[in-house]
Protein backbone atom coordinates (compact mmCIF):
# COMPACT_ATOMS: atom_id res chain seq x y z
CA MET A 1 8.75 -13.33 -112.05
CA ASP A 2 11.26 -14.75 -110.93
CA PRO A 3 10.92 -17.67 -108.41
CA THR A 4 12.91 -16.72 -106.16
CA SER A 5 11.96 -13.05 -106.15
CA ALA A 6 8.46 -14.41 -105.38
CA ASP A 7 9.51 -16.18 -102.91
CA THR A 8 11.37 -12.91 -101.52
CA GLU A 9 8.29 -10.96 -101.71
CA VAL A 10 6.23 -13.64 -99.75
CA ARG A 11 8.22 -13.88 -96.64
CA ARG A 12 8.91 -9.87 -96.95
CA SER A 13 4.68 -9.52 -96.86
CA MET A 14 4.36 -12.17 -93.80
CA VAL A 15 7.25 -10.06 -91.98
CA ARG A 16 4.89 -6.62 -92.06
CA MET A 17 1.84 -8.62 -91.80
CA LEU A 18 3.42 -10.10 -88.25
CA THR A 19 5.55 -6.51 -87.22
CA LEU A 20 2.41 -4.64 -86.17
CA PRO A 21 0.56 -7.80 -83.93
CA LEU A 22 4.19 -8.27 -82.55
CA THR A 23 5.13 -4.88 -81.91
CA VAL A 24 1.26 -4.29 -79.92
CA LEU A 25 2.25 -6.98 -77.72
CA ALA A 26 5.91 -5.87 -76.91
CA VAL A 27 4.08 -2.81 -75.88
CA LEU A 28 1.48 -4.66 -73.83
CA ALA A 29 4.32 -6.83 -72.61
CA VAL A 30 6.02 -4.19 -71.44
CA GLY A 31 3.04 -2.19 -70.03
CA ILE A 32 2.49 -5.17 -67.87
CA LEU A 33 5.80 -5.35 -66.19
CA LEU A 34 5.50 -1.70 -65.46
CA PHE A 35 2.30 -2.23 -63.53
CA SER A 36 2.93 -5.22 -61.80
CA ALA A 37 6.23 -2.85 -60.70
CA VAL A 38 4.27 -0.29 -59.63
CA SER A 39 1.27 -2.62 -57.83
CA ASP A 40 4.16 -4.19 -56.16
CA ASP A 41 5.41 -0.58 -55.15
CA SER A 42 2.19 0.20 -53.97
CA ASP A 43 2.14 -3.22 -51.61
CA ALA A 44 5.44 -2.05 -50.07
CA ASP A 45 4.07 1.26 -49.47
CA ASP A 46 5.67 3.49 -47.62
CA SER A 47 8.92 3.53 -45.32
CA GLY A 48 10.48 5.87 -43.24
CA THR A 49 13.01 6.18 -39.55
CA CYS A 50 11.29 7.01 -36.76
CA GLY A 51 14.10 7.52 -33.97
CA GLY A 52 17.25 6.31 -33.01
CA GLY A 53 17.92 3.05 -35.46
CA LEU A 54 14.26 2.89 -35.65
CA SER A 55 12.67 2.16 -39.03
CA TRP A 56 9.20 1.91 -40.01
CA THR A 57 7.65 0.27 -42.40
CA TYR A 58 3.60 0.02 -43.79
CA THR A 59 1.52 -2.79 -45.62
CA ASP A 60 -1.42 -1.40 -47.21
CA ALA A 61 -2.83 -5.10 -47.83
CA THR A 62 -3.22 -5.34 -44.03
CA GLY A 63 -2.98 -1.49 -42.89
CA THR A 64 0.25 -3.09 -40.38
CA LEU A 65 2.96 -0.97 -38.97
CA THR A 66 6.28 -2.92 -38.89
CA ILE A 67 8.75 -1.18 -36.56
CA THR A 68 12.06 -2.59 -37.01
CA ARG A 69 15.78 -1.47 -34.57
CA ASN A 70 19.20 -1.57 -36.16
CA ASN A 71 22.43 -1.90 -34.22
CA VAL A 72 23.51 1.16 -33.92
CA GLY A 73 21.28 3.43 -32.66
CA SER A 74 19.93 4.22 -29.37
CA GLY A 75 16.44 2.74 -29.77
CA VAL A 76 14.57 5.69 -28.55
CA MET A 77 11.60 6.67 -30.38
CA THR A 78 10.72 10.61 -32.01
CA ASP A 79 8.44 12.46 -29.38
CA PHE A 80 5.72 13.55 -31.61
CA GLY A 81 3.21 16.25 -30.94
CA PRO A 82 -0.36 15.61 -30.66
CA THR A 83 -1.22 17.01 -34.27
CA ASP A 84 1.59 15.83 -36.03
CA VAL A 85 1.62 13.50 -39.18
CA ARG A 86 2.47 9.83 -38.33
CA TRP A 87 3.84 6.96 -40.42
CA GLY A 88 2.96 9.00 -43.43
CA GLY A 89 -0.98 9.77 -42.67
CA HIS A 90 -1.53 5.97 -43.17
CA GLU A 91 -3.95 4.31 -41.48
CA VAL A 92 -2.79 2.28 -38.99
CA ARG A 93 -4.46 -1.16 -38.18
CA ALA A 94 -1.61 -3.27 -36.49
CA VAL A 95 1.42 -2.41 -34.74
CA ASP A 96 4.02 -4.80 -34.83
CA LEU A 97 6.98 -4.56 -32.88
CA SER A 98 8.01 -8.38 -32.72
CA GLY A 99 11.29 -7.79 -34.75
CA VAL A 100 12.76 -4.94 -32.52
CA VAL A 101 15.99 -6.47 -30.77
CA GLY A 102 17.78 -4.16 -28.05
CA SER A 103 16.25 -1.72 -25.60
CA THR A 104 13.67 0.44 -27.56
CA THR A 105 10.70 3.35 -26.15
CA ILE A 106 7.68 4.43 -27.65
CA GLY A 107 7.41 8.03 -28.27
CA THR A 108 5.25 10.31 -26.95
CA TYR A 109 2.05 10.65 -29.04
CA ALA A 110 3.27 7.72 -31.58
CA PHE A 111 -0.44 6.51 -32.33
CA SER A 112 -2.55 8.98 -30.65
CA GLY A 113 -6.19 9.39 -32.07
CA CYS A 114 -5.28 5.53 -34.16
CA THR A 115 -9.09 5.35 -34.31
CA SER A 116 -8.38 2.17 -36.42
CA LEU A 117 -5.67 0.45 -34.39
CA GLU A 118 -6.75 -3.12 -33.67
CA SER A 119 -3.87 -4.74 -32.02
CA ILE A 120 -0.14 -4.13 -30.52
CA THR A 121 2.48 -6.66 -30.90
CA PHE A 122 5.63 -5.64 -28.73
CA SER A 123 8.88 -6.66 -28.68
CA GLU A 124 10.81 -8.37 -24.85
CA TYR A 125 13.10 -5.63 -25.54
CA VAL A 126 10.31 -2.87 -25.46
CA THR A 127 11.23 -0.44 -21.98
CA SER A 128 8.97 2.24 -21.91
CA ILE A 129 6.04 3.79 -23.29
CA GLY A 130 5.34 7.26 -23.96
CA ALA A 131 2.50 9.80 -22.86
CA SER A 132 -0.11 9.60 -25.06
CA ALA A 133 1.58 6.99 -27.29
CA PHE A 134 -2.00 5.07 -27.62
CA SER A 135 -4.11 7.55 -26.51
CA GLY A 136 -7.87 7.73 -28.29
CA CYS A 137 -7.30 4.09 -29.85
CA THR A 138 -10.74 3.06 -28.84
CA SER A 139 -10.75 0.22 -31.46
CA LEU A 140 -7.93 -1.47 -29.17
CA GLU A 141 -9.42 -4.20 -27.10
CA ASN A 142 -7.16 -6.72 -26.01
CA LEU A 143 -3.45 -5.80 -24.74
CA ILE A 144 -0.18 -7.78 -23.03
CA ILE A 145 2.45 -5.46 -21.92
CA PRO A 146 5.44 -8.00 -22.12
CA ARG A 147 7.95 -8.06 -19.03
CA SER A 148 10.62 -5.27 -19.77
CA VAL A 149 8.12 -2.63 -19.67
CA THR A 150 9.11 -0.40 -16.34
CA ASN A 151 7.09 2.85 -17.40
CA VAL A 152 3.42 3.69 -18.98
CA GLY A 153 3.32 7.30 -19.43
CA ALA A 154 0.57 10.05 -18.05
CA SER A 155 -2.74 8.99 -20.59
CA ALA A 156 -0.55 6.45 -22.19
CA PHE A 157 -3.77 4.59 -22.76
CA GLY A 158 -6.20 7.14 -21.84
CA GLY A 159 -9.33 6.66 -24.03
CA CYS A 160 -9.02 3.64 -25.46
CA THR A 161 -12.72 2.89 -24.60
CA GLY A 162 -13.03 -0.37 -26.37
CA LEU A 163 -9.83 -2.17 -23.86
CA LYS A 164 -11.74 -5.32 -22.50
CA TYR A 165 -8.15 -7.46 -21.57
CA LEU A 166 -4.97 -6.06 -20.39
CA GLU A 167 -2.25 -8.02 -19.44
CA PHE A 168 1.02 -7.25 -17.46
CA GLU A 169 3.65 -10.18 -17.60
CA THR A 170 5.03 -8.50 -14.94
CA GLY A 171 4.22 -5.22 -12.46
CA PRO A 172 5.43 -1.99 -14.08
CA THR A 173 7.69 -0.27 -12.00
CA SER A 174 5.79 2.89 -12.80
CA ILE A 175 2.25 3.45 -13.59
CA ASP A 176 1.40 7.53 -14.19
CA LEU A 177 -2.32 7.53 -12.77
CA GLY A 178 -3.72 8.67 -15.69
CA ALA A 179 -2.10 5.83 -17.86
CA PHE A 180 -5.65 4.61 -18.80
CA ALA A 181 -7.80 7.75 -17.74
CA GLY A 182 -11.08 8.17 -19.50
CA MET A 183 -12.74 5.24 -19.63
CA THR A 184 -16.24 3.95 -17.88
CA LEU A 185 -14.87 0.70 -15.94
CA TYR A 186 -17.95 0.86 -13.64
CA ASP A 187 -21.15 2.79 -12.35
CA SER A 188 -22.42 3.03 -8.67
CA ASP A 189 -24.64 0.45 -8.90
CA THR A 190 -23.54 -2.88 -10.07
CA ILE A 191 -19.63 -1.70 -9.10
CA THR A 192 -18.04 -3.90 -12.24
CA PRO A 193 -14.89 -3.49 -12.84
CA ILE A 194 -12.33 -3.83 -15.91
CA SER A 195 -9.72 -6.90 -15.22
CA ILE A 196 -6.11 -6.78 -15.33
CA VAL A 197 -3.85 -9.62 -15.17
CA GLY A 198 -0.28 -9.42 -14.08
CA ASN A 199 1.91 -10.74 -11.10
CA ASP A 200 -0.31 -13.93 -11.18
CA ARG A 201 -3.11 -12.02 -10.08
CA VAL A 202 -5.08 -9.93 -11.14
CA TRP A 203 -5.17 -5.74 -11.08
CA GLN A 204 -8.28 -3.08 -11.72
CA PHE A 205 -8.86 0.14 -11.99
CA PHE A 206 -12.17 2.07 -10.24
CA SER A 207 -13.33 5.29 -10.37
CA VAL A 208 -13.66 7.24 -7.43
CA GLY A 209 -15.49 10.98 -7.55
CA GLY A 210 -15.26 10.86 -11.10
CA LYS A 211 -11.39 10.38 -11.61
CA LEU A 212 -9.78 6.84 -12.62
CA SER A 213 -7.33 5.29 -9.73
CA TRP A 214 -4.89 2.50 -9.94
CA LEU A 215 -5.18 0.43 -6.93
CA LEU A 216 -2.33 -1.84 -5.59
CA PRO A 217 -3.22 -4.04 -4.11
CA VAL A 218 -5.96 -5.05 -6.64
CA PHE A 219 -9.65 -6.23 -6.02
CA THR A 220 -10.84 -9.23 -8.06
CA GLY A 221 -14.19 -10.88 -8.09
CA THR A 222 -17.45 -9.97 -9.32
CA GLY A 223 -20.65 -7.67 -8.38
CA SER A 224 -19.60 -6.05 -4.84
CA ASN A 225 -17.71 -9.59 -3.93
CA LEU A 226 -13.92 -8.40 -4.12
CA ILE A 227 -10.67 -9.84 -3.64
CA VAL A 228 -7.56 -8.42 -2.36
CA ASP A 229 -5.02 -11.18 -4.52
CA SER A 230 -1.69 -10.42 -2.07
CA ALA A 231 0.89 -13.07 -3.85
CA HIS A 232 3.43 -10.89 -3.38
CA ASN A 233 3.32 -9.82 0.21
CA ASP A 234 1.39 -6.27 -0.55
CA GLN A 235 -1.87 -5.65 1.81
CA THR A 236 -1.33 -1.66 2.04
CA PHE A 237 -4.47 0.17 1.37
CA ASP A 238 -3.83 3.66 0.41
CA LEU A 239 -6.02 6.86 0.65
CA VAL A 240 -7.97 6.12 -2.76
CA ASN A 241 -8.26 2.38 -2.28
CA ILE A 242 -9.87 3.07 1.43
CA ALA A 243 -11.80 6.04 -0.91
CA TYR A 244 -13.26 3.95 -3.37
CA LEU A 245 -13.72 0.93 -0.53
CA LYS A 246 -15.65 3.09 2.03
CA ASP A 247 -17.74 4.51 -0.45
CA ALA A 248 -18.80 0.92 -2.51
CA ALA A 249 -19.86 -0.35 1.47
CA SER A 250 -22.05 2.88 2.09
CA LYS A 251 -24.37 2.08 -1.61
CA ASN A 252 -24.21 -1.92 -0.68
CA ALA A 253 -24.66 -3.11 2.70
CA ASP A 254 -24.40 -6.69 1.25
CA MET A 255 -20.65 -5.92 0.17
CA THR A 256 -17.85 -8.27 1.17
CA LEU A 257 -14.07 -7.58 0.42
CA SER A 258 -11.40 -10.59 0.76
CA ILE A 259 -7.88 -10.60 1.35
CA VAL A 260 -5.98 -13.63 0.37
CA ILE A 261 -2.68 -13.51 2.79
CA PRO A 262 0.47 -15.87 1.50
CA GLY A 263 0.84 -18.37 4.34
CA GLY A 264 -3.20 -19.81 4.00
CA TYR A 265 -4.64 -16.84 5.85
CA THR A 266 -7.72 -15.09 4.44
CA ALA A 267 -9.83 -12.27 5.75
CA VAL A 268 -12.96 -11.22 4.99
CA PHE A 269 -14.31 -7.99 5.42
CA ASP A 270 -17.90 -7.43 5.97
CA SER A 271 -19.41 -3.76 5.22
CA ALA A 272 -19.80 -2.49 8.44
CA ALA A 273 -16.28 -3.58 9.21
CA ILE A 274 -14.89 -1.31 6.28
CA LEU A 275 -17.43 1.37 7.04
CA SER A 276 -15.20 1.23 9.97
CA TRP A 277 -12.01 2.26 8.90
CA GLY A 278 -10.34 5.26 9.31
CA ASP A 279 -9.18 7.52 6.42
CA GLY A 280 -5.68 7.45 6.89
CA LEU A 281 -2.71 5.15 4.82
CA ALA A 282 -3.18 1.64 6.95
CA VAL A 283 -1.74 -1.98 6.33
CA PHE A 284 -3.48 -4.63 7.18
CA GLU A 285 -1.28 -7.68 8.52
CA PHE A 286 -2.77 -11.45 9.36
CA THR A 287 0.58 -13.38 10.40
CA LYS A 288 2.02 -16.39 12.46
CA VAL A 289 3.48 -15.15 15.96
CA ASN A 290 7.15 -16.22 16.83
CA ASN A 291 5.85 -17.28 20.42
CA ALA A 292 9.75 -16.17 21.71
CA SER A 293 8.65 -12.69 21.14
CA LEU A 294 5.80 -12.60 23.22
CA ASP A 295 5.58 -10.86 26.72
CA ALA A 296 6.30 -13.06 29.48
CA ALA A 297 2.21 -13.42 30.98
CA THR A 298 1.71 -14.52 27.17
CA LYS A 299 4.50 -16.81 26.82
CA ALA A 300 3.22 -18.50 29.94
CA LEU A 301 -0.49 -18.44 28.57
CA VAL A 302 0.30 -19.51 25.17
CA GLY A 303 2.98 -22.44 25.96
CA SER A 304 3.96 -23.71 22.33
CA ASP A 305 0.52 -23.44 20.97
CA PRO A 306 0.17 -21.33 17.31
CA VAL A 307 -0.69 -17.78 17.61
CA TYR A 308 -1.49 -15.21 15.22
CA SER A 309 -1.22 -11.15 15.32
CA ILE A 310 -4.10 -9.47 13.29
CA THR A 311 -3.69 -5.83 13.21
CA PHE A 312 -5.10 -2.61 10.25
CA GLY A 313 -3.01 0.07 10.65
CA GLY A 314 -4.31 1.92 14.10
CA ASN A 315 -7.47 0.48 14.42
CA THR A 316 -8.14 -1.86 17.23
CA SER A 317 -11.20 -3.35 16.26
CA PHE A 318 -13.88 -2.76 13.26
CA GLY A 319 -16.09 -1.64 15.27
CA LEU A 320 -19.83 -2.99 14.48
CA GLY A 321 -18.24 -4.58 11.73
CA LYS A 322 -16.97 -8.36 11.31
CA VAL A 323 -14.00 -9.88 9.76
CA THR A 324 -14.06 -14.07 9.00
CA TYR A 325 -10.93 -15.47 9.43
CA THR A 326 -9.49 -18.53 8.16
CA LEU A 327 -6.32 -20.16 8.37
CA ASP A 328 -4.48 -23.65 7.62
CA TYR A 329 -4.11 -25.71 10.84
CA THR A 330 -3.75 -29.37 10.81
CA LEU A 331 -4.64 -31.48 13.54
CA PRO A 332 -2.31 -33.86 15.42
CA ALA A 333 -3.04 -37.12 15.29
CA GLY A 334 -5.45 -38.56 17.04
CA GLY A 335 -6.47 -35.15 18.02
CA ASP A 336 -10.89 -34.23 18.03
CA PRO A 337 -12.11 -31.25 16.26
CA MET A 338 -14.59 -30.82 19.29
CA ASP A 339 -11.68 -29.80 21.26
CA ILE A 340 -10.05 -27.37 19.32
CA ARG A 341 -10.28 -23.67 21.03
CA VAL A 342 -9.99 -20.54 19.57
CA HIS A 343 -8.92 -17.25 22.09
CA TYR A 344 -8.82 -13.66 21.73
CA ILE A 345 -6.00 -12.63 23.93
CA THR A 346 -5.67 -8.86 25.56
CA ALA A 347 -3.33 -8.44 28.01
CA GLY A 348 -1.85 -11.30 28.72
CA THR A 349 -5.20 -12.98 29.44
CA PHE A 350 -8.04 -15.39 27.59
CA ALA A 351 -10.59 -12.40 26.96
CA GLU A 352 -12.62 -14.26 24.69
CA GLU A 353 -13.52 -17.51 23.73
CA MET A 354 -14.42 -17.30 19.74
CA PRO A 355 -16.87 -19.91 18.03
CA PHE A 356 -15.06 -21.39 14.82
CA ASN A 357 -15.81 -24.16 12.32
CA TYR A 358 -13.39 -27.11 11.39
CA SER A 359 -12.98 -28.62 7.87
CA MET A 360 -10.70 -29.67 5.57
CA GLY A 361 -7.51 -28.60 7.48
CA LYS A 362 -9.07 -24.96 8.05
CA ILE A 363 -10.04 -23.17 10.54
CA THR A 364 -12.24 -20.23 10.64
CA PHE A 365 -13.50 -17.71 12.71
CA GLU A 366 -15.46 -14.09 13.16
CA SER A 367 -14.35 -11.10 15.59
CA ASN A 368 -14.13 -7.66 14.82
CA HIS A 369 -11.17 -7.44 17.27
CA LEU A 370 -7.29 -6.47 16.64
CA SER A 371 -5.19 -8.01 18.20
CA LEU A 372 -3.78 -12.14 19.06
CA TYR A 373 -5.30 -15.14 18.66
CA SER A 374 -4.37 -18.47 20.18
CA ILE A 375 -5.39 -22.00 19.12
CA GLN A 376 -5.38 -25.00 21.47
CA LEU A 377 -6.04 -28.05 21.33
CA GLY A 378 -8.08 -29.25 24.51
CA ASP A 379 -9.01 -27.04 27.40
CA ALA A 380 -7.11 -23.93 27.80
CA PRO A 381 -4.85 -24.04 30.03
CA PRO A 382 -5.80 -22.09 33.59
CA PRO A 383 -3.41 -18.32 33.41
CA THR A 384 -0.33 -18.25 35.13
CA PRO A 385 -1.15 -16.90 38.42
CA VAL A 386 0.82 -13.49 38.52
CA GLN A 387 3.54 -13.11 41.35
CA LYS A 388 2.59 -9.97 43.02
CA TYR A 389 5.34 -7.94 45.47
CA THR A 390 4.77 -5.23 48.26
CA ILE A 391 6.21 -2.70 47.71
CA GLN A 392 6.94 0.08 51.46
CA LEU A 393 8.07 3.20 51.91
CA LYS A 394 9.11 5.14 55.15
CA LEU A 395 9.12 8.91 54.15
CA ASN A 396 10.21 10.01 57.68
CA GLY A 397 8.30 13.33 57.82
CA GLY A 398 8.71 13.56 54.18
CA GLU A 399 5.56 13.86 51.67
CA SER A 400 5.11 12.72 48.19
CA SER A 401 2.22 13.31 45.58
CA SER A 402 2.43 9.87 43.94
CA VAL A 403 2.24 7.67 47.33
CA SER A 404 -0.99 8.89 48.58
CA THR A 405 -4.52 6.69 49.65
CA GLY A 406 -5.81 7.81 46.26
CA ASN A 407 -3.04 6.24 44.06
CA GLY A 408 -3.66 2.85 46.05
CA TRP A 409 -1.23 3.25 48.94
CA VAL A 410 -1.65 1.99 52.66
CA LEU A 411 -0.21 4.19 55.69
CA ASN A 412 0.00 2.05 58.68
CA GLY A 413 2.73 3.81 61.30
CA ASP A 414 5.01 5.99 59.15
CA THR A 415 5.26 3.27 56.70
CA TRP A 416 3.19 3.09 53.49
CA SER A 417 2.83 -0.18 51.61
CA LYS A 418 1.23 -1.34 48.21
CA PRO A 419 1.04 -4.40 46.26
CA PHE A 420 2.81 -4.39 42.64
CA ASN A 421 2.43 -7.03 39.95
CA GLU A 422 5.83 -8.51 38.46
CA GLY A 423 7.50 -6.40 36.29
CA SER A 424 5.33 -3.31 36.62
CA SER A 425 7.11 -0.39 36.72
CA LEU A 426 7.99 2.10 40.05
CA THR A 427 7.66 5.56 39.66
CA VAL A 428 8.02 7.71 42.92
CA LYS A 429 8.12 11.14 43.10
CA ASP A 430 10.90 12.75 45.08
CA PRO A 431 9.35 13.44 49.18
CA SER A 432 10.23 17.06 50.35
CA LYS A 433 10.70 17.71 53.83
CA ASP A 434 10.07 21.52 55.83
CA GLY A 435 13.75 22.72 56.30
CA TYR A 436 14.98 19.53 54.65
CA SER A 437 16.73 18.74 51.26
CA PHE A 438 16.15 14.47 50.11
CA ASP A 439 19.49 12.93 49.42
CA GLY A 440 17.66 9.62 47.98
CA TRP A 441 15.72 6.39 48.75
CA ASP A 442 17.96 3.48 51.07
CA PRO A 443 18.14 1.15 49.22
CA VAL A 444 18.43 2.65 45.96
CA LEU A 445 14.62 2.48 44.54
CA PRO A 446 14.02 0.51 41.49
CA LYS A 447 12.17 1.47 38.62
CA THR A 448 11.03 -2.48 38.01
CA VAL A 449 9.22 -4.19 40.63
CA THR A 450 10.72 -7.88 40.74
CA ALA A 451 10.56 -8.39 44.55
CA ASP A 452 9.61 -7.33 48.10
CA GLY A 453 10.96 -3.96 49.13
CA VAL A 454 11.23 -1.55 51.90
CA TYR A 455 13.05 2.01 50.93
CA GLU A 456 13.51 4.71 53.22
CA ALA A 457 14.05 8.19 52.19
CA SER A 458 16.75 10.02 53.63
CA TYR A 459 17.26 13.64 53.92
CA SER A 460 19.89 16.40 55.22
CA LYS A 461 18.91 19.35 57.05
CA ASP A 462 18.87 22.79 55.06
CA THR A 463 21.23 25.37 56.12
CA THR A 464 20.93 27.85 53.43
CA PHE A 465 18.52 30.51 53.39
CA SER A 466 15.54 30.60 51.09
CA ILE A 467 14.95 33.15 49.59
CA GLY A 468 10.96 33.11 51.34
CA ARG A 469 13.19 32.88 54.47
CA VAL A 470 15.41 36.20 54.12
CA SER A 471 12.25 37.56 53.40
CA LEU A 472 10.82 36.90 56.04
CA TRP A 473 13.61 38.08 58.37
CA VAL A 474 13.51 41.11 56.97
CA VAL A 475 10.15 41.81 57.27
CA ILE A 476 10.12 41.43 60.74
CA ALA A 477 13.45 43.68 61.07
CA VAL A 478 11.93 46.16 59.51
CA GLY A 479 9.12 46.03 61.89
CA ILE A 480 10.92 46.28 65.09
CA VAL A 481 12.46 49.54 63.50
CA ILE A 482 9.58 51.08 63.21
CA ALA A 483 8.07 50.00 66.35
CA VAL A 484 11.11 50.86 68.33
CA GLY A 485 10.93 54.17 66.35
CA TYR A 486 7.35 54.88 67.33
CA ALA A 487 7.81 53.89 70.88
CA GLY A 488 10.31 56.30 71.32
CA TYR A 489 8.30 58.89 69.30
CA PHE A 490 5.61 58.25 71.78
CA ILE A 491 7.68 58.47 74.88
CA ILE A 492 9.79 61.69 74.47
CA SER A 493 6.37 63.43 72.94
CA ASN A 494 4.92 62.85 76.44
CA THR A 495 8.16 64.35 77.84
CA ARG A 496 8.02 67.48 76.35
CA LYS A 497 4.35 67.82 77.27
CA LYS A 498 4.96 67.31 81.07
CA SER A 499 7.69 69.57 81.00
């Protein structure tokens, strides 16, 4: 055999030997590439749209549903129905809206019934959470809602029984009362509510009569010692607040309610004070008074000493209950705390001196009164004598139902007199005199007493016949006619008999 031909045959044999394994390797390589492509596609899993300019992508490895928005659409998410298939039917464990830019809403029932949902990350552009959007998400424990959210719809988080922490960066403008319905938040014995942080204070929900209620202002604290932190000067108690608190106080005689008010004021109600409340709407106010606005008697009483007004709706006291008040007080240089006096003021007088405690720039005292309180350093100044004036009335034969000894007037001769405090109102019914009409007082009787005075009633003779007088004259005339007629008849009859 030709050596060249032999070499050629050897090469051909080697090619035939390598062709099969190389083909197998090529097929395997193509298979691996195809498998990898399929695997990569499964990592991306699924995607779609969900409203005006909104798109979603689901990643199976983490169970995360990521929602984004383009700059064209409205940002309004589709409103779903309770039985609609959403998000490709995938099991969503996390929702990520952090990449959303532009005003965006979350549609109704968007994630309702996602029992595996554990976390939600909102964008600062989310403005509204629709009704039942996250209802039944029982695995959700922590939730932070951004300040951009102004509305939380009915049952938006209803049935989220695993929720333990909810933070509002700023309180939503509108929260439906049923937004968090269905959660068991406390029982009547322990009164342990869920904490909800927001607006620099803690908000909370309570159940009243088996129904969940959203309370503002919010009660914090543990057990039966509740606190209203009025960091935004909101001390309004609505019907639900009052119903809850009175119910809780009736079950626990040791219950207390603290109200923290801007300006360094605090009021702590005991259970008896709470039970004394009415059932209507009420606003609790504890404020420092501008002394210039006080009435003359109170202003003279307190001078420049600080005065505080404490009111609660139409209540005048807390009955058998007590409220402990605390306020800031700066002791003047060289002042002695032993010289401090706290007084309850009513009707322009010091009605009662209140026991108190002074410590570290704060005065604390107890009371059940709702009125004015003053703080003096040193003995309280004696009350300024009330100026009195005497009013004298000459009725000149007339009578007035408001001028009598029973009304405090004294008759001396033909003049009635009575003492009045300065500033008192003066009301006298017009006197009447038979046969005369009342013309007025001379001089004119003032409405407010500011000085001594003598006032005389003036009359003019009544020249007109009243209906009563006319009737009387008619009766007399008719009587005379009858009498004359009868007499005439009697005379004529007797004359005929004689003749």
